[in-house]
Amino acid sequence: MHDRIELLAVEIQEEKHRLVQILIWVGAIMFLSFLVVVFASLVLVAIYWDTNRVAVVSGLAGTYLAALVAVVVAFQRFMRRQSKPFSATLAELKEDRACMQTSN
């Protein structure tokens, strides 16, 4: 049983480390993406200010909406593919339980 608890502790540390890394990457991506979108949008609106500013702003809004939908769908797929946390520990505990039941 002691080995199982040690395995659980190791898996908790791995999950914590993985989560921190993911949050750092996501934060950096979000910040830089925001800057790119804002400045690219400002440039487009400035270019077409005198002629088609409403069409450009509407097109940008539609593009952002489509991008949001695509990212949400991709994130949902990503989350479905992730393995369950502590799966190795749970598998070992199931094996231990099965061994205990067969030996009784």
PDB file of N, CA and C in Angstrom:
ATOM      1  N   MET A   1       0.812  -1.186   0.000  1.00  0.00           N
ATOM      2  CA  MET A   1       0.000   0.000   0.000  1.00  0.00           C
ATOM      3  C   MET A   1       0.864   1.263   0.000  1.00  0.00           C
ATOM      4  N   HIS A   2       2.011   1.185   0.642  1.00  0.00           N
ATOM      5  CA  HIS A   2       2.923   2.326   0.708  1.00  0.00           C
ATOM      6  C   HIS A   2       3.393   2.720  -0.693  1.00  0.00           C
ATOM      7  N   ASP A   3       3.663   1.698  -1.526  1.00  0.00           N
ATOM      8  CA  ASP A   3       4.088   1.980  -2.905  1.00  0.00           C
ATOM      9  C   ASP A   3       2.999   2.718  -3.681  1.00  0.00           C
ATOM     10  N   ARG A   4       1.767   2.384  -3.433  1.00  0.00           N
ATOM     11  CA  ARG A   4       0.646   3.020  -4.140  1.00  0.00           C
ATOM     12  C   ARG A   4       0.528   4.496  -3.751  1.00  0.00           C
ATOM     13  N   ILE A   5       0.755   4.756  -2.482  1.00  0.00           N
ATOM     14  CA  ILE A   5       0.688   6.137  -2.013  1.00  0.00           C
ATOM     15  C   ILE A   5       1.836   6.951  -2.606  1.00  0.00           C
ATOM     16  N   GLU A   6       3.013   6.346  -2.690  1.00  0.00           N
ATOM     17  CA  GLU A   6       4.141   7.031  -3.321  1.00  0.00           C
ATOM     18  C   GLU A   6       3.853   7.300  -4.790  1.00  0.00           C
ATOM     19  N   LEU A   7       3.263   6.340  -5.475  1.00  0.00           N
ATOM     20  CA  LEU A   7       2.900   6.531  -6.879  1.00  0.00           C
ATOM     21  C   LEU A   7       1.896   7.665  -7.024  1.00  0.00           C
ATOM     22  N   LEU A   8       0.932   7.718  -6.146  1.00  0.00           N
ATOM     23  CA  LEU A   8      -0.054   8.793  -6.171  1.00  0.00           C
ATOM     24  C   LEU A   8       0.619  10.144  -5.967  1.00  0.00           C
ATOM     25  N   ALA A   9       1.552  10.220  -5.040  1.00  0.00           N
ATOM     26  CA  ALA A   9       2.260  11.478  -4.776  1.00  0.00           C
ATOM     27  C   ALA A   9       3.056  11.924  -5.998  1.00  0.00           C
ATOM     28  N   VAL A  10       3.706  10.970  -6.655  1.00  0.00           N
ATOM     29  CA  VAL A  10       4.463  11.294  -7.873  1.00  0.00           C
ATOM     30  C   VAL A  10       3.524  11.791  -8.966  1.00  0.00           C
ATOM     31  N   GLU A  11       2.393  11.128  -9.130  1.00  0.00           N
ATOM     32  CA  GLU A  11       1.444  11.555 -10.159  1.00  0.00           C
ATOM     33  C   GLU A  11       0.859  12.932  -9.856  1.00  0.00           C
ATOM     34  N   ILE A  12       0.634  13.224  -8.593  1.00  0.00           N
ATOM     35  CA  ILE A  12       0.133  14.550  -8.229  1.00  0.00           C
ATOM     36  C   ILE A  12       1.167  15.616  -8.599  1.00  0.00           C
ATOM     37  N   GLN A  13       2.421  15.355  -8.310  1.00  0.00           N
ATOM     38  CA  GLN A  13       3.480  16.306  -8.670  1.00  0.00           C
ATOM     39  C   GLN A  13       3.568  16.486 -10.186  1.00  0.00           C
ATOM     40  N   GLU A  14       3.473  15.387 -10.943  1.00  0.00           N
ATOM     41  CA  GLU A  14       3.530  15.471 -12.402  1.00  0.00           C
ATOM     42  C   GLU A  14       2.360  16.285 -12.950  1.00  0.00           C
ATOM     43  N   GLU A  15       1.179  16.067 -12.417  1.00  0.00           N
ATOM     44  CA  GLU A  15      -0.003  16.803 -12.869  1.00  0.00           C
ATOM     45  C   GLU A  15       0.121  18.287 -12.535  1.00  0.00           C
ATOM     46  N   LYS A  16       0.639  18.574 -11.369  1.00  0.00           N
ATOM     47  CA  LYS A  16       0.835  19.970 -10.965  1.00  0.00           C
ATOM     48  C   LYS A  16       1.821  20.662 -11.889  1.00  0.00           C
ATOM     49  N   HIS A  17       2.929  20.009 -12.173  1.00  0.00           N
ATOM     50  CA  HIS A  17       3.949  20.564 -13.066  1.00  0.00           C
ATOM     51  C   HIS A  17       3.386  20.759 -14.477  1.00  0.00           C
ATOM     52  N   ARG A  18       2.662  19.783 -14.954  1.00  0.00           N
ATOM     53  CA  ARG A  18       2.054  19.849 -16.286  1.00  0.00           C
ATOM     54  C   ARG A  18       1.052  20.996 -16.367  1.00  0.00           C
ATOM     55  N   LEU A  19       0.248  21.166 -15.346  1.00  0.00           N
ATOM     56  CA  LEU A  19      -0.753  22.228 -15.326  1.00  0.00           C
ATOM     57  C   LEU A  19      -0.098  23.610 -15.324  1.00  0.00           C
ATOM     58  N   VAL A  20       0.943  23.781 -14.540  1.00  0.00           N
ATOM     59  CA  VAL A  20       1.653  25.060 -14.511  1.00  0.00           C
ATOM     60  C   VAL A  20       2.245  25.370 -15.884  1.00  0.00           C
ATOM     61  N   GLN A  21       2.861  24.380 -16.518  1.00  0.00           N
ATOM     62  CA  GLN A  21       3.417  24.588 -17.853  1.00  0.00           C
ATOM     63  C   GLN A  21       2.332  24.978 -18.846  1.00  0.00           C
ATOM     64  N   ILE A  22       1.224  24.294 -18.813  1.00  0.00           N
ATOM     65  CA  ILE A  22       0.116  24.598 -19.730  1.00  0.00           C
ATOM     66  C   ILE A  22      -0.377  26.020 -19.502  1.00  0.00           C
ATOM     67  N   LEU A  23      -0.533  26.426 -18.265  1.00  0.00           N
ATOM     68  CA  LEU A  23      -1.025  27.770 -17.970  1.00  0.00           C
ATOM     69  C   LEU A  23      -0.052  28.848 -18.442  1.00  0.00           C
ATOM     70  N   ILE A  24       1.229  28.608 -18.297  1.00  0.00           N
ATOM     71  CA  ILE A  24       2.227  29.573 -18.780  1.00  0.00           C
ATOM     72  C   ILE A  24       2.153  29.694 -20.299  1.00  0.00           C
ATOM     73  N   TRP A  25       2.116  28.572 -20.995  1.00  0.00           N
ATOM     74  CA  TRP A  25       2.020  28.602 -22.452  1.00  0.00           C
ATOM     75  C   TRP A  25       0.739  29.279 -22.919  1.00  0.00           C
ATOM     76  N   VAL A  26      -0.364  28.923 -22.306  1.00  0.00           N
ATOM     77  CA  VAL A  26      -1.651  29.507 -22.702  1.00  0.00           C
ATOM     78  C   VAL A  26      -1.666  31.014 -22.439  1.00  0.00           C
ATOM     79  N   GLY A  27      -1.118  31.434 -21.329  1.00  0.00           N
ATOM     80  CA  GLY A  27      -1.058  32.865 -21.022  1.00  0.00           C
ATOM     81  C   GLY A  27      -0.238  33.634 -22.044  1.00  0.00           C
ATOM     82  N   ALA A  28       0.911  33.103 -22.400  1.00  0.00           N
ATOM     83  CA  ALA A  28       1.754  33.767 -23.397  1.00  0.00           C
ATOM     84  C   ALA A  28       1.076  33.819 -24.757  1.00  0.00           C
ATOM     85  N   ILE A  29       0.470  32.723 -25.137  1.00  0.00           N
ATOM     86  CA  ILE A  29      -0.231  32.669 -26.431  1.00  0.00           C
ATOM     87  C   ILE A  29      -1.392  33.657 -26.448  1.00  0.00           C
ATOM     88  N   MET A  30      -2.145  33.706 -25.396  1.00  0.00           N
ATOM     89  CA  MET A  30      -3.299  34.614 -25.352  1.00  0.00           C
ATOM     90  C   MET A  30      -2.854  36.074 -25.414  1.00  0.00           C
ATOM     91  N   PHE A  31      -1.840  36.423 -24.664  1.00  0.00           N
ATOM     92  CA  PHE A  31      -1.369  37.803 -24.644  1.00  0.00           C
ATOM     93  C   PHE A  31      -0.864  38.235 -26.015  1.00  0.00           C
ATOM     94  N   LEU A  32      -0.012  37.428 -26.618  1.00  0.00           N
ATOM     95  CA  LEU A  32       0.546  37.788 -27.927  1.00  0.00           C
ATOM     96  C   LEU A  32      -0.506  37.748 -29.023  1.00  0.00           C
ATOM     97  N   SER A  33      -1.415  36.816 -28.944  1.00  0.00           N
ATOM     98  CA  SER A  33      -2.502  36.763 -29.925  1.00  0.00           C
ATOM     99  C   SER A  33      -3.386  37.992 -29.825  1.00  0.00           C
ATOM    100  N   PHE A  34      -3.658  38.406 -28.631  1.00  0.00           N
ATOM    101  CA  PHE A  34      -4.463  39.607 -28.432  1.00  0.00           C
ATOM    102  C   PHE A  34      -3.797  40.824 -29.067  1.00  0.00           C
ATOM    103  N   LEU A  35      -2.492  40.966 -28.846  1.00  0.00           N
ATOM    104  CA  LEU A  35      -1.774  42.096 -29.433  1.00  0.00           C
ATOM    105  C   LEU A  35      -1.814  42.057 -30.959  1.00  0.00           C
ATOM    106  N   VAL A  36      -1.610  40.897 -31.532  1.00  0.00           N
ATOM    107  CA  VAL A  36      -1.637  40.760 -32.987  1.00  0.00           C
ATOM    108  C   VAL A  36      -3.012  41.122 -33.535  1.00  0.00           C
ATOM    109  N   VAL A  37      -4.032  40.606 -32.938  1.00  0.00           N
ATOM    110  CA  VAL A  37      -5.391  40.866 -33.416  1.00  0.00           C
ATOM    111  C   VAL A  37      -5.733  42.347 -33.304  1.00  0.00           C
ATOM    112  N   VAL A  38      -5.414  42.950 -32.188  1.00  0.00           N
ATOM    113  CA  VAL A  38      -5.745  44.359 -31.993  1.00  0.00           C
ATOM    114  C   VAL A  38      -5.025  45.231 -33.010  1.00  0.00           C
ATOM    115  N   PHE A  39      -3.728  45.047 -33.164  1.00  0.00           N
ATOM    116  CA  PHE A  39      -2.983  45.917 -34.063  1.00  0.00           C
ATOM    117  C   PHE A  39      -3.286  45.637 -35.533  1.00  0.00           C
ATOM    118  N   ALA A  40      -3.501  44.396 -35.891  1.00  0.00           N
ATOM    119  CA  ALA A  40      -3.883  44.090 -37.269  1.00  0.00           C
ATOM    120  C   ALA A  40      -5.257  44.678 -37.583  1.00  0.00           C
ATOM    121  N   SER A  41      -6.154  44.616 -36.635  1.00  0.00           N
ATOM    122  CA  SER A  41      -7.486  45.196 -36.829  1.00  0.00           C
ATOM    123  C   SER A  41      -7.411  46.712 -36.969  1.00  0.00           C
ATOM    124  N   LEU A  42      -6.610  47.344 -36.138  1.00  0.00           N
ATOM    125  CA  LEU A  42      -6.449  48.796 -36.231  1.00  0.00           C
ATOM    126  C   LEU A  42      -5.875  49.210 -37.579  1.00  0.00           C
ATOM    127  N   VAL A  43      -4.919  48.453 -38.069  1.00  0.00           N
ATOM    128  CA  VAL A  43      -4.335  48.760 -39.374  1.00  0.00           C
ATOM    129  C   VAL A  43      -5.392  48.626 -40.468  1.00  0.00           C
ATOM    130  N   LEU A  44      -6.161  47.573 -40.463  1.00  0.00           N
ATOM    131  CA  LEU A  44      -7.199  47.397 -41.483  1.00  0.00           C
ATOM    132  C   LEU A  44      -8.260  48.493 -41.422  1.00  0.00           C
ATOM    133  N   VAL A  45      -8.697  48.823 -40.244  1.00  0.00           N
ATOM    134  CA  VAL A  45      -9.703  49.878 -40.118  1.00  0.00           C
ATOM    135  C   VAL A  45      -9.125  51.218 -40.572  1.00  0.00           C
ATOM    136  N   ALA A  46      -7.877  51.484 -40.242  1.00  0.00           N
ATOM    137  CA  ALA A  46      -7.242  52.735 -40.670  1.00  0.00           C
ATOM    138  C   ALA A  46      -7.103  52.799 -42.190  1.00  0.00           C
ATOM    139  N   ILE A  47      -6.763  51.678 -42.808  1.00  0.00           N
ATOM    140  CA  ILE A  47      -6.609  51.653 -44.266  1.00  0.00           C
ATOM    141  C   ILE A  47      -7.927  51.948 -44.956  1.00  0.00           C
ATOM    142  N   TYR A  48      -9.005  51.366 -44.452  1.00  0.00           N
ATOM    143  CA  TYR A  48     -10.311  51.512 -45.111  1.00  0.00           C
ATOM    144  C   TYR A  48     -11.225  52.524 -44.412  1.00  0.00           C
ATOM    145  N   TRP A  49     -10.674  53.404 -43.613  1.00  0.00           N
ATOM    146  CA  TRP A  49     -11.473  54.346 -42.842  1.00  0.00           C
ATOM    147  C   TRP A  49     -12.398  55.192 -43.722  1.00  0.00           C
ATOM    148  N   ASP A  50     -11.894  55.696 -44.818  1.00  0.00           N
ATOM    149  CA  ASP A  50     -12.681  56.598 -45.657  1.00  0.00           C
ATOM    150  C   ASP A  50     -13.654  55.886 -46.585  1.00  0.00           C
ATOM    151  N   THR A  51     -13.403  54.626 -46.896  1.00  0.00           N
ATOM    152  CA  THR A  51     -14.234  53.969 -47.901  1.00  0.00           C
ATOM    153  C   THR A  51     -15.190  52.931 -47.332  1.00  0.00           C
ATOM    154  N   ASN A  52     -14.690  51.942 -46.634  1.00  0.00           N
ATOM    155  CA  ASN A  52     -15.525  50.805 -46.199  1.00  0.00           C
ATOM    156  C   ASN A  52     -15.330  50.438 -44.733  1.00  0.00           C
ATOM    157  N   ARG A  53     -15.283  51.397 -43.859  1.00  0.00           N
ATOM    158  CA  ARG A  53     -14.974  51.069 -42.456  1.00  0.00           C
ATOM    159  C   ARG A  53     -16.023  50.153 -41.819  1.00  0.00           C
ATOM    160  N   VAL A  54     -17.298  50.328 -42.141  1.00  0.00           N
ATOM    161  CA  VAL A  54     -18.338  49.477 -41.552  1.00  0.00           C
ATOM    162  C   VAL A  54     -18.186  48.044 -42.053  1.00  0.00           C
ATOM    163  N   ALA A  55     -17.924  47.887 -43.340  1.00  0.00           N
ATOM    164  CA  ALA A  55     -17.739  46.544 -43.898  1.00  0.00           C
ATOM    165  C   ALA A  55     -16.509  45.866 -43.294  1.00  0.00           C
ATOM    166  N   VAL A  56     -15.442  46.616 -43.117  1.00  0.00           N
ATOM    167  CA  VAL A  56     -14.218  46.042 -42.548  1.00  0.00           C
ATOM    168  C   VAL A  56     -14.448  45.628 -41.094  1.00  0.00           C
ATOM    169  N   VAL A  57     -15.094  46.492 -40.315  1.00  0.00           N
ATOM    170  CA  VAL A  57     -15.345  46.161 -38.912  1.00  0.00           C
ATOM    171  C   VAL A  57     -16.281  44.953 -38.813  1.00  0.00           C
ATOM    172  N   SER A  58     -17.297  44.909 -39.671  1.00  0.00           N
ATOM    173  CA  SER A  58     -18.212  43.763 -39.676  1.00  0.00           C
ATOM    174  C   SER A  58     -17.483  42.484 -40.080  1.00  0.00           C
ATOM    175  N   GLY A  59     -16.642  42.572 -41.087  1.00  0.00           N
ATOM    176  CA  GLY A  59     -15.863  41.405 -41.515  1.00  0.00           C
ATOM    177  C   GLY A  59     -14.923  40.918 -40.426  1.00  0.00           C
ATOM    178  N   LEU A  60     -14.293  41.855 -39.732  1.00  0.00           N
ATOM    179  CA  LEU A  60     -13.414  41.470 -38.624  1.00  0.00           C
ATOM    180  C   LEU A  60     -14.205  40.773 -37.517  1.00  0.00           C
ATOM    181  N   ALA A  61     -15.370  41.309 -37.187  1.00  0.00           N
ATOM    182  CA  ALA A  61     -16.196  40.692 -36.147  1.00  0.00           C
ATOM    183  C   ALA A  61     -16.605  39.275 -36.540  1.00  0.00           C
ATOM    184  N   GLY A  62     -16.989  39.082 -37.794  1.00  0.00           N
ATOM    185  CA  GLY A  62     -17.351  37.747 -38.269  1.00  0.00           C
ATOM    186  C   GLY A  62     -16.170  36.793 -38.231  1.00  0.00           C
ATOM    187  N   THR A  63     -15.011  37.295 -38.611  1.00  0.00           N
ATOM    188  CA  THR A  63     -13.796  36.475 -38.572  1.00  0.00           C
ATOM    189  C   THR A  63     -13.460  36.067 -37.140  1.00  0.00           C
ATOM    190  N   TYR A  64     -13.576  37.004 -36.214  1.00  0.00           N
ATOM    191  CA  TYR A  64     -13.290  36.695 -34.813  1.00  0.00           C
ATOM    192  C   TYR A  64     -14.273  35.667 -34.260  1.00  0.00           C
ATOM    193  N   LEU A  65     -15.520  35.793 -34.655  1.00  0.00           N
ATOM    194  CA  LEU A  65     -16.522  34.837 -34.206  1.00  0.00           C
ATOM    195  C   LEU A  65     -16.215  33.434 -34.749  1.00  0.00           C
ATOM    196  N   ALA A  66     -15.872  33.343 -36.020  1.00  0.00           N
ATOM    197  CA  ALA A  66     -15.528  32.040 -36.613  1.00  0.00           C
ATOM    198  C   ALA A  66     -14.292  31.447 -35.939  1.00  0.00           C
ATOM    199  N   ALA A  67     -13.316  32.289 -35.644  1.00  0.00           N
ATOM    200  CA  ALA A  67     -12.104  31.812 -34.972  1.00  0.00           C
ATOM    201  C   ALA A  67     -12.422  31.315 -33.562  1.00  0.00           C
ATOM    202  N   LEU A  68     -13.302  32.022 -32.874  1.00  0.00           N
ATOM    203  CA  LEU A  68     -13.695  31.598 -31.532  1.00  0.00           C
ATOM    204  C   LEU A  68     -14.364  30.233 -31.560  1.00  0.00           C
ATOM    205  N   VAL A  69     -15.262  30.034 -32.495  1.00  0.00           N
ATOM    206  CA  VAL A  69     -15.949  28.742 -32.613  1.00  0.00           C
ATOM    207  C   VAL A  69     -14.938  27.632 -32.897  1.00  0.00           C
ATOM    208  N   ALA A  70     -14.004  27.889 -33.811  1.00  0.00           N
ATOM    209  CA  ALA A  70     -12.997  26.885 -34.145  1.00  0.00           C
ATOM    210  C   ALA A  70     -12.126  26.534 -32.941  1.00  0.00           C
ATOM    211  N   VAL A  71     -11.741  27.522 -32.177  1.00  0.00           N
ATOM    212  CA  VAL A  71     -10.901  27.273 -31.003  1.00  0.00           C
ATOM    213  C   VAL A  71     -11.670  26.508 -29.930  1.00  0.00           C
ATOM    214  N   VAL A  72     -12.909  26.840 -29.719  1.00  0.00           N
ATOM    215  CA  VAL A  72     -13.716  26.126 -28.721  1.00  0.00           C
ATOM    216  C   VAL A  72     -13.872  24.658 -29.109  1.00  0.00           C
ATOM    217  N   VAL A  73     -14.151  24.396 -30.384  1.00  0.00           N
ATOM    218  CA  VAL A  73     -14.287  23.010 -30.858  1.00  0.00           C
ATOM    219  C   VAL A  73     -12.964  22.262 -30.699  1.00  0.00           C
ATOM    220  N   ALA A  74     -11.852  22.909 -31.073  1.00  0.00           N
ATOM    221  CA  ALA A  74     -10.540  22.266 -30.935  1.00  0.00           C
ATOM    222  C   ALA A  74     -10.216  21.986 -29.474  1.00  0.00           C
ATOM    223  N   PHE A  75     -10.565  22.908 -28.588  1.00  0.00           N
ATOM    224  CA  PHE A  75     -10.312  22.704 -27.163  1.00  0.00           C
ATOM    225  C   PHE A  75     -11.134  21.546 -26.611  1.00  0.00           C
ATOM    226  N   GLN A  76     -12.375  21.440 -27.038  1.00  0.00           N
ATOM    227  CA  GLN A  76     -13.211  20.325 -26.594  1.00  0.00           C
ATOM    228  C   GLN A  76     -12.625  18.991 -27.046  1.00  0.00           C
ATOM    229  N   ARG A  77     -12.147  18.925 -28.266  1.00  0.00           N
ATOM    230  CA  ARG A  77     -11.494  17.695 -28.751  1.00  0.00           C
ATOM    231  C   ARG A  77     -10.247  17.391 -27.951  1.00  0.00           C
ATOM    232  N   PHE A  78      -9.464  18.411 -27.657  1.00  0.00           N
ATOM    233  CA  PHE A  78      -8.253  18.247 -26.869  1.00  0.00           C
ATOM    234  C   PHE A  78      -8.579  17.672 -25.491  1.00  0.00           C
ATOM    235  N   MET A  79      -9.596  18.213 -24.854  1.00  0.00           N
ATOM    236  CA  MET A  79      -9.953  17.753 -23.514  1.00  0.00           C
ATOM    237  C   MET A  79     -10.465  16.311 -23.521  1.00  0.00           C
ATOM    238  N   ARG A  80     -11.164  15.922 -24.569  1.00  0.00           N
ATOM    239  CA  ARG A  80     -11.647  14.533 -24.649  1.00  0.00           C
ATOM    240  C   ARG A  80     -10.493  13.548 -24.829  1.00  0.00           C
ATOM    241  N   ARG A  81      -9.403  13.974 -25.471  1.00  0.00           N
ATOM    242  CA  ARG A  81      -8.264  13.080 -25.715  1.00  0.00           C
ATOM    243  C   ARG A  81      -7.344  12.944 -24.510  1.00  0.00           C
ATOM    244  N   GLN A  82      -7.490  13.791 -23.515  1.00  0.00           N
ATOM    245  CA  GLN A  82      -6.597  13.751 -22.359  1.00  0.00           C
ATOM    246  C   GLN A  82      -6.878  12.525 -21.507  1.00  0.00           C
ATOM    247  N   SER A  83      -5.800  11.943 -21.007  1.00  0.00           N
ATOM    248  CA  SER A  83      -5.972  10.797 -20.118  1.00  0.00           C
ATOM    249  C   SER A  83      -6.459  11.291 -18.758  1.00  0.00           C
ATOM    250  N   LYS A  84      -7.099  10.394 -18.057  1.00  0.00           N
ATOM    251  CA  LYS A  84      -7.608  10.744 -16.738  1.00  0.00           C
ATOM    252  C   LYS A  84      -6.439  10.904 -15.776  1.00  0.00           C
ATOM    253  N   PRO A  85      -6.510  11.900 -14.905  1.00  0.00           N
ATOM    254  CA  PRO A  85      -5.449  12.045 -13.914  1.00  0.00           C
ATOM    255  C   PRO A  85      -5.408  10.828 -12.986  1.00  0.00           C
ATOM    256  N   PHE A  86      -4.223  10.450 -12.611  1.00  0.00           N
ATOM    257  CA  PHE A  86      -3.990   9.364 -11.659  1.00  0.00           C
ATOM    258  C   PHE A  86      -4.435   8.007 -12.193  1.00  0.00           C
ATOM    259  N   SER A  87      -4.414   7.838 -13.484  1.00  0.00           N
ATOM    260  CA  SER A  87      -4.868   6.575 -14.066  1.00  0.00           C
ATOM    261  C   SER A  87      -3.981   5.396 -13.651  1.00  0.00           C
ATOM    262  N   ALA A  88      -2.682   5.626 -13.541  1.00  0.00           N
ATOM    263  CA  ALA A  88      -1.790   4.541 -13.128  1.00  0.00           C
ATOM    264  C   ALA A  88      -2.084   4.114 -11.689  1.00  0.00           C
ATOM    265  N   THR A  89      -2.320   5.074 -10.831  1.00  0.00           N
ATOM    266  CA  THR A  89      -2.643   4.751  -9.440  1.00  0.00           C
ATOM    267  C   THR A  89      -3.949   3.985  -9.346  1.00  0.00           C
ATOM    268  N   LEU A  90      -4.950   4.440 -10.070  1.00  0.00           N
ATOM    269  CA  LEU A  90      -6.237   3.747 -10.055  1.00  0.00           C
ATOM    270  C   LEU A  90      -6.111   2.324 -10.585  1.00  0.00           C
ATOM    271  N   ALA A  91      -5.317   2.140 -11.632  1.00  0.00           N
ATOM    272  CA  ALA A  91      -5.126   0.798 -12.183  1.00  0.00           C
ATOM    273  C   ALA A  91      -4.446  -0.114 -11.162  1.00  0.00           C
ATOM    274  N   GLU A  92      -3.439   0.412 -10.487  1.00  0.00           N
ATOM    275  CA  GLU A  92      -2.748  -0.391  -9.477  1.00  0.00           C
ATOM    276  C   GLU A  92      -3.671  -0.737  -8.309  1.00  0.00           C
ATOM    277  N   LEU A  93      -4.472   0.215  -7.893  1.00  0.00           N
ATOM    278  CA  LEU A  93      -5.402  -0.062  -6.793  1.00  0.00           C
ATOM    279  C   LEU A  93      -6.448  -1.097  -7.192  1.00  0.00           C
ATOM    280  N   LYS A  94      -6.887  -1.066  -8.450  1.00  0.00           N
ATOM    281  CA  LYS A  94      -7.833  -2.083  -8.925  1.00  0.00           C
ATOM    282  C   LYS A  94      -7.186  -3.454  -8.923  1.00  0.00           C
ATOM    283  N   GLU A  95      -5.922  -3.504  -9.350  1.00  0.00           N
ATOM    284  CA  GLU A  95      -5.200  -4.782  -9.326  1.00  0.00           C
ATOM    285  C   GLU A  95      -5.075  -5.297  -7.891  1.00  0.00           C
ATOM    286  N   ASP A  96      -4.724  -4.411  -6.974  1.00  0.00           N
ATOM    287  CA  ASP A  96      -4.595  -4.807  -5.569  1.00  0.00           C
ATOM    288  C   ASP A  96      -5.925  -5.335  -5.035  1.00  0.00           C
ATOM    289  N   ARG A  97      -6.979  -4.648  -5.374  1.00  0.00           N
ATOM    290  CA  ARG A  97      -8.312  -5.065  -4.913  1.00  0.00           C
ATOM    291  C   ARG A  97      -8.669  -6.438  -5.474  1.00  0.00           C
ATOM    292  N   ALA A  98      -8.370  -6.643  -6.767  1.00  0.00           N
ATOM    293  CA  ALA A  98      -8.662  -7.937  -7.374  1.00  0.00           C
ATOM    294  C   ALA A  98      -7.835  -9.047  -6.729  1.00  0.00           C
ATOM    295  N   CYS A  99      -6.579  -8.752  -6.445  1.00  0.00           N
ATOM    296  CA  CYS A  99      -5.733  -9.751  -5.794  1.00  0.00           C
ATOM    297  C   CYS A  99      -6.244 -10.069  -4.383  1.00  0.00           C
ATOM    298  N   MET A 100      -6.682  -9.068  -3.671  1.00  0.00           N
ATOM    299  CA  MET A 100      -7.193  -9.284  -2.319  1.00  0.00           C
ATOM    300  C   MET A 100      -8.489 -10.114  -2.348  1.00  0.00           C
ATOM    301  N   GLN A 101      -9.322  -9.870  -3.328  1.00  0.00           N
ATOM    302  CA  GLN A 101     -10.581 -10.594  -3.414  1.00  0.00           C
ATOM    303  C   GLN A 101     -10.356 -12.050  -3.818  1.00  0.00           C
ATOM    304  N   THR A 102      -9.390 -12.314  -4.697  1.00  0.00           N
ATOM    305  CA  THR A 102      -9.136 -13.691  -5.124  1.00  0.00           C
ATOM    306  C   THR A 102      -8.427 -14.503  -4.041  1.00  0.00           C
ATOM    307  N   SER A 103      -7.650 -13.823  -3.187  1.00  0.00           N
ATOM    308  CA  SER A 103      -6.927 -14.562  -2.152  1.00  0.00           C
ATOM    309  C   SER A 103      -7.803 -14.879  -0.943  1.00  0.00           C
ATOM    310  N   ASN A 104      -8.953 -14.245  -0.835  1.00  0.00           N
ATOM    311  CA  ASN A 104      -9.866 -14.521   0.299  1.00  0.00           C
ATOM    312  C   ASN A 104     -10.734 -15.680   0.035  1.00  0.00           C
TER     313      ASN A 104
END
